[in-house]
Amino acid sequence: MSKITVVGSLSTDFVVSADKRPEIGETITGKDFKTTFGGKGANQAVAAARLGSQVCMIGTVGTDLFGQEIIANLKNNQINTDNVESVTGLPSGSAHITVVDGDNSIVYIPGANDAITHEQVISASRTIEESDVVILQNETPLEIIESLIDVCFQKGIQTIYNPAPAKQIKQETIEKVTF
């Protein structure tokens, strides 16, 4: 069984379906609304766990109800949440998604996802070092991503990096990424 650590975003998705997108200042009636668990990091962790990997998550959520539900969802998917921290003063991350004719547009609000710190990652260093693969994406601060890629490269740990949403990242960092 592979040991995978995911460092990344944890969010709640608020999904609205409609026949059209509203114009500026316009109110329209939608067709459907649902909330789902999301965040590129959480989605990667759940997918890896469902494929049979032993998964640890490193990230941050708010102290709000959404943060509690996000952690519960990870645990329900057999993901280790020992390195998921709740931070005060920020809401849990969220994505506000509008779907029209099968195409979506998304407003992502990082919230607590931007509160992950180098100290938090350092405190999870044993988890990272015991991993076969570390998975990252761009819904966390760039300095965290770059330092993790460097650490994994130095220690010979494979990395999978999803560069979405797009950010400027050093070419030398990209060259250290396994996949």
Foldseek 3Di string as FASTA:
>chain_A
DFEEEEEFAWEKEWEWEAQDDADVPDDDDTDDIDIDIDTPRLVVQLVCLVVPYAYEYAFEAEPDPSRVVRVVVCVVSNYHDPRYYYDYPWHGKYWYWYAHPNDIDIDTDLTRRAVDDPVSVVVCVVSVLPGQEYEYEPSYDPVVVQVSLVVCLVSVRAYHYHDPPPDDDDPVSVVSHRD
